[in-house]
């Protein structure tokens, strides 16, 4: 059994000051994908003794950053999602692991948050388009792939508490959600924006484990009482290739016991895979 966790840490140094280290050591994880690390190697390394670390920091200090921690070393890694038109450092990190005779690829991904009508949204859409091109290539690389992280899109109304009021907001736009219709669809798929395309056949492990229920949410605004009232968004995913999804045995969101025990505004997503 391989236990894989993913979490947007909202700044790894602050997260460790607030208690992330206790969660990391107590969870029995084999692989942990981090997003929004917002640190350099020399900042992250001292925080994770006993772990092998792959880290792709953003070009601009204090922004983005993705990492993969593992108990056993990876055999290869890559950071190129294929986009040449703008800087994607700190947003896509692929790591290969040999589990027995099985090649497992884990991707830590941090999709742009976006902002309607701005260049930030244009960048987000280009990144999602590059994801759509990269996903089939990963399936050719190995049958066992997990793409995980803060993907910054709620796929369906089940993924956002107040979805009716957010239909024109970044993170729940029809054009964004349509990508996820194709990521998780099979055959020819018509997205919620009316665009038709071929489905990729990936499995949303969280939704497969919790069909037709609200959430479970993974992010809550820092404002008001969003956490206390569970007014959240499910924007953190583990997307598994069909072969890997077939051996997923448990999915959970490590929701914090209370607002004051949170070490990030996102909660970790954890899945056990019986490889």
Protein backbone atom coordinates (compact mmCIF):
# COMPACT_ATOMS: atom_id res chain seq x y z
CA UNK A 1 0.00 0.00 0.00
CA UNK A 2 1.27 3.44 -0.97
CA UNK A 3 -0.23 6.39 0.91
CA UNK A 4 -0.11 9.64 -1.08
CA UNK A 5 -1.09 13.05 0.25
CA UNK A 6 -1.42 16.40 -1.47
CA UNK A 7 -1.88 19.85 0.04
CA UNK A 8 -1.54 23.52 -0.79
CA UNK A 9 0.49 24.67 2.20
CA UNK A 10 -0.03 28.42 1.66
CA UNK A 11 3.62 29.06 2.48
CA UNK A 12 5.54 26.10 3.88
CA UNK A 13 7.46 28.02 6.54
CA UNK A 14 4.29 29.48 8.03
CA UNK A 15 2.59 26.08 7.81
CA UNK A 16 5.36 24.43 9.82
CA UNK A 17 5.21 27.17 12.44
CA UNK A 18 1.50 26.38 12.83
CA UNK A 19 1.87 22.59 13.15
CA UNK A 20 2.23 21.04 9.70
CA UNK A 21 5.25 19.04 10.86
CA UNK A 22 3.14 17.03 13.31
CA UNK A 23 0.67 16.12 10.54
CA UNK A 24 3.48 15.17 8.16
CA UNK A 25 5.19 12.81 10.58
CA UNK A 26 2.03 11.22 11.99
CA UNK A 27 0.29 10.42 8.72
CA UNK A 28 2.25 7.39 7.55
CA UNK A 29 2.68 8.94 4.12
CA UNK A 30 4.95 7.52 1.44
CA UNK A 31 4.67 10.45 -0.97
CA UNK A 32 3.49 14.01 -0.29
CA UNK A 33 2.84 16.61 -2.99
CA UNK A 34 2.99 20.25 -1.93
CA UNK A 35 1.77 23.37 -3.68
CA UNK A 36 2.26 27.08 -3.01
CA UNK A 37 5.49 26.29 -1.17
CA UNK A 38 6.73 29.89 -1.52
CA UNK A 39 10.28 29.07 -0.43
CA UNK A 40 13.73 28.16 -1.71
CA UNK A 41 15.51 24.81 -1.32
CA UNK A 42 17.50 26.08 1.63
CA UNK A 43 14.25 27.01 3.39
CA UNK A 44 12.43 23.74 2.72
CA UNK A 45 15.20 21.19 3.29
CA UNK A 46 15.69 21.79 7.04
CA UNK A 47 11.94 21.36 7.60
CA UNK A 48 11.75 17.83 6.16
CA UNK A 49 14.60 15.70 7.56
CA UNK A 50 14.28 12.06 6.58
CA UNK A 51 12.45 12.87 3.36
CA UNK A 52 13.75 12.87 -0.19
CA UNK A 53 12.79 16.19 -1.78
CA UNK A 54 12.09 17.39 -5.29
CA UNK A 55 11.29 21.09 -5.49
CA UNK A 56 10.53 23.48 -8.32
CA UNK A 57 10.38 27.00 -6.89
CA UNK A 58 8.77 29.84 -8.79
CA UNK A 59 10.98 32.32 -10.62
CA UNK A 60 9.66 35.12 -8.40
CA UNK A 61 10.49 34.54 -4.75
CA UNK A 62 7.52 34.20 -2.44
CA UNK A 63 5.19 32.98 -5.20
CA UNK A 64 3.81 29.55 -6.17
CA UNK A 65 6.29 26.64 -5.92
CA UNK A 66 5.60 22.90 -6.02
CA UNK A 67 7.40 20.01 -4.33
CA UNK A 68 7.25 16.23 -3.93
CA UNK A 69 8.47 14.61 -0.71
CA UNK A 70 9.02 10.85 -0.59
CA UNK A 71 10.34 8.22 1.78
CA UNK A 72 12.11 6.47 -1.11
CA UNK A 73 13.96 8.40 -3.81
CA UNK A 74 12.42 9.03 -7.20
CA UNK A 75 14.08 7.56 -10.28
CA UNK A 76 13.37 10.58 -12.52
CA UNK A 77 11.57 13.89 -12.51
CA UNK A 78 10.45 16.61 -14.95
CA UNK A 79 9.10 20.15 -14.68
CA UNK A 80 8.15 20.93 -18.30
CA UNK A 81 4.43 21.01 -19.04
CA UNK A 82 5.14 22.14 -22.60
CA UNK A 83 4.25 25.83 -22.46
CA UNK A 84 6.87 28.13 -23.94
CA UNK A 85 4.87 31.36 -24.05
CA UNK A 86 5.09 32.26 -20.35
CA UNK A 87 6.76 31.23 -17.11
CA UNK A 88 5.32 28.07 -15.55
CA UNK A 89 8.05 27.44 -13.00
CA UNK A 90 6.69 26.44 -9.63
CA UNK A 91 3.46 25.00 -11.04
CA UNK A 92 4.15 21.50 -12.46
CA UNK A 93 6.45 18.79 -11.13
CA UNK A 94 6.38 15.15 -12.29
CA UNK A 95 8.17 12.45 -10.29
CA UNK A 96 8.65 8.78 -11.23
CA UNK A 97 8.85 6.07 -8.57
CA UNK A 98 9.45 2.34 -8.93
CA UNK A 99 7.06 0.51 -6.59
CA UNK A 100 8.06 -3.14 -6.89
CA UNK A 101 7.81 -3.63 -10.65
CA UNK A 102 5.27 -0.83 -11.14
CA UNK A 103 6.26 2.56 -12.50
CA UNK A 104 4.25 5.20 -10.65
CA UNK A 105 4.24 8.83 -11.76
CA UNK A 106 3.07 11.51 -9.33
CA UNK A 107 2.44 15.09 -10.43
CA UNK A 108 2.23 18.05 -8.05
CA UNK A 109 0.27 20.74 -9.89
CA UNK A 110 -0.66 24.29 -8.94
CA UNK A 111 -3.07 25.85 -11.43
CA UNK A 112 -3.38 29.63 -11.50
CA UNK A 113 -6.23 31.07 -9.46
CA UNK A 114 -7.24 33.38 -12.30
CA UNK A 115 -9.25 36.59 -12.31
CA UNK A 116 -12.02 37.20 -14.79
CA UNK A 117 -11.17 39.67 -17.55
CA UNK A 118 -7.47 39.91 -16.71
CA UNK A 119 -4.20 38.40 -18.01
CA UNK A 120 -4.28 36.13 -14.93
CA UNK A 121 -7.32 34.36 -16.36
CA UNK A 122 -5.69 34.10 -19.78
CA UNK A 123 -2.69 32.43 -18.16
CA UNK A 124 -4.95 30.02 -16.30
CA UNK A 125 -6.73 28.96 -19.47
CA UNK A 126 -3.44 28.42 -21.32
CA UNK A 127 -2.19 26.31 -18.42
CA UNK A 128 -5.36 24.17 -18.43
CA UNK A 129 -4.97 23.75 -22.18
CA UNK A 130 -1.41 22.54 -21.67
CA UNK A 131 -2.62 20.11 -19.00
CA UNK A 132 -5.10 18.70 -21.51
CA UNK A 133 -2.23 18.07 -23.93
CA UNK A 134 0.10 16.62 -21.31
CA UNK A 135 -2.36 14.17 -19.72
CA UNK A 136 -2.45 11.70 -22.67
CA UNK A 137 1.35 11.80 -22.82
CA UNK A 138 1.55 10.80 -19.16
CA UNK A 139 -0.75 7.83 -19.83
CA UNK A 140 1.65 6.68 -22.54
CA UNK A 141 4.56 7.01 -20.11
CA UNK A 142 2.97 4.61 -17.58
CA UNK A 143 -0.44 3.15 -16.72
CA UNK A 144 -0.18 4.36 -13.12
CA UNK A 145 -0.33 8.16 -12.80
CA UNK A 146 -1.70 10.52 -10.15
CA UNK A 147 -2.04 14.20 -11.01
CA UNK A 148 -2.77 16.04 -7.80
CA UNK A 149 -2.82 19.44 -6.27
CA UNK A 150 -4.62 22.73 -6.11
CA UNK A 151 -6.28 22.81 -9.52
CA UNK A 152 -8.32 25.91 -8.63
CA UNK A 153 -11.53 24.78 -10.35
CA UNK A 154 -14.70 23.42 -8.79
CA UNK A 155 -15.95 20.91 -11.32
CA UNK A 156 -19.67 20.72 -10.49
CA UNK A 157 -22.19 22.40 -8.15
CA UNK A 158 -21.38 19.66 -5.63
CA UNK A 159 -17.89 21.13 -5.31
CA UNK A 160 -18.85 24.64 -4.14
CA UNK A 161 -21.21 25.47 -1.29
CA UNK A 162 -22.40 28.74 -2.83
CA UNK A 163 -22.18 27.71 -6.48
CA UNK A 164 -25.15 29.80 -7.68
CA UNK A 165 -23.41 33.02 -6.70
CA UNK A 166 -20.09 32.00 -8.25
CA UNK A 167 -21.08 31.11 -11.81
CA UNK A 168 -19.25 34.18 -13.13
CA UNK A 169 -16.29 33.83 -10.78
CA UNK A 170 -12.87 32.41 -11.57
CA UNK A 171 -12.80 28.85 -10.33
CA UNK A 172 -16.34 28.05 -11.44
CA UNK A 173 -16.55 29.47 -14.95
CA UNK A 174 -18.15 27.17 -17.56
CA UNK A 175 -15.01 27.42 -19.71
CA UNK A 176 -12.86 26.17 -16.81
CA UNK A 177 -15.27 23.43 -15.75
CA UNK A 178 -15.51 22.17 -19.31
CA UNK A 179 -11.85 21.10 -19.16
CA UNK A 180 -12.73 18.92 -16.18
CA UNK A 181 -15.71 17.46 -18.05
CA UNK A 182 -13.20 16.24 -20.62
CA UNK A 183 -10.53 15.22 -18.08
CA UNK A 184 -13.02 12.91 -16.35
CA UNK A 185 -15.24 12.00 -19.30
CA UNK A 186 -15.11 9.09 -21.73
CA UNK A 187 -15.82 9.08 -25.44
CA UNK A 188 -16.96 12.36 -26.97
CA UNK A 189 -17.92 14.84 -24.25
CA UNK A 190 -19.91 18.08 -24.45
CA UNK A 191 -18.71 20.38 -21.72
CA UNK A 192 -20.88 22.72 -19.68
CA UNK A 193 -19.78 25.55 -21.99
CA UNK A 194 -21.08 23.65 -25.03
CA UNK A 195 -17.62 22.80 -26.38
CA UNK A 196 -17.36 19.23 -27.57
CA UNK A 197 -14.18 17.18 -27.30
CA UNK A 198 -12.80 13.77 -26.59
CA UNK A 199 -12.78 12.67 -22.96
CA UNK A 200 -9.51 11.69 -21.32
CA UNK A 201 -10.93 8.99 -19.04
CA UNK A 202 -9.18 10.03 -15.83
CA UNK A 203 -10.84 9.36 -12.47
CA UNK A 204 -11.61 12.02 -9.87
CA UNK A 205 -10.78 9.83 -6.87
CA UNK A 206 -12.51 12.18 -4.44
CA UNK A 207 -15.79 12.24 -6.34
CA UNK A 208 -15.63 8.48 -6.95
CA UNK A 209 -15.34 7.98 -3.20
CA UNK A 210 -18.12 10.48 -2.41
CA UNK A 211 -20.63 10.47 -5.28
CA UNK A 212 -23.58 12.85 -5.21
CA UNK A 213 -22.66 14.58 -1.96
CA UNK A 214 -21.61 18.17 -1.30
CA UNK A 215 -17.84 18.32 -0.99
CA UNK A 216 -16.06 17.14 0.98
CA UNK A 217 -14.53 20.61 0.65
CA UNK A 218 -10.80 21.26 0.69
CA UNK A 219 -10.54 25.07 0.81
CA UNK A 220 -12.29 27.74 2.88
CA UNK A 221 -11.94 31.50 2.66
CA UNK A 222 -10.04 33.09 5.51
CA UNK A 223 -12.79 35.70 5.75
CA UNK A 224 -15.84 35.42 7.98
CA UNK A 225 -16.87 32.04 9.32
CA UNK A 226 -16.47 30.05 6.11
CA UNK A 227 -14.56 27.24 7.85
CA UNK A 228 -16.90 27.04 10.84
CA UNK A 229 -19.98 26.84 8.60
CA UNK A 230 -18.23 24.57 6.07
CA UNK A 231 -18.84 27.07 3.28
CA UNK A 232 -16.03 25.71 1.16
CA UNK A 233 -14.79 24.73 -2.27
CA UNK A 234 -13.44 21.37 -3.43
CA UNK A 235 -10.58 22.54 -5.64
CA UNK A 236 -7.84 20.14 -4.51
CA UNK A 237 -7.82 16.84 -6.41
CA UNK A 238 -6.18 13.52 -6.88
CA UNK A 239 -6.78 12.63 -10.54
CA UNK A 240 -5.82 9.02 -11.20
CA UNK A 241 -5.34 7.09 -14.41
CA UNK A 242 -7.86 4.22 -14.66
CA UNK A 243 -5.32 1.56 -13.68
CA UNK A 244 -4.28 3.50 -10.58
CA UNK A 245 -7.85 4.43 -9.66
CA UNK A 246 -8.75 0.75 -9.73
CA UNK A 247 -6.44 0.13 -6.76
CA UNK A 248 -7.44 3.18 -4.69
CA UNK A 249 -8.68 1.83 -1.38
CA UNK A 250 -9.33 4.94 0.71
CA UNK A 251 -9.84 8.66 0.13
CA UNK A 252 -10.04 11.28 2.84
CA UNK A 253 -9.76 15.00 3.43
CA UNK A 254 -7.77 15.76 6.59
CA UNK A 255 -10.06 18.55 7.71
CA UNK A 256 -8.75 20.44 10.72
CA UNK A 257 -10.59 19.96 14.02
CA UNK A 258 -11.19 23.71 14.38
CA UNK A 259 -10.39 27.07 12.79
CA UNK A 260 -7.56 27.78 15.20
CA UNK A 261 -5.81 24.45 14.48
CA UNK A 262 -5.48 25.12 10.75
CA UNK A 263 -1.99 25.44 9.31
CA UNK A 264 -3.24 26.26 5.79
CA UNK A 265 -6.44 27.51 4.21
CA UNK A 266 -6.47 24.21 2.28
CA UNK A 267 -6.90 20.77 3.85
CA UNK A 268 -4.78 17.80 2.72
CA UNK A 269 -6.22 15.19 0.38
CA UNK A 270 -5.01 11.65 1.17
CA UNK A 271 -5.44 8.44 -0.86
CA UNK A 272 -4.18 4.90 -0.27
CA UNK A 273 -3.27 2.89 -3.38
CA UNK A 274 -2.74 -0.88 -3.23
CA UNK A 275 0.01 -1.31 -5.79
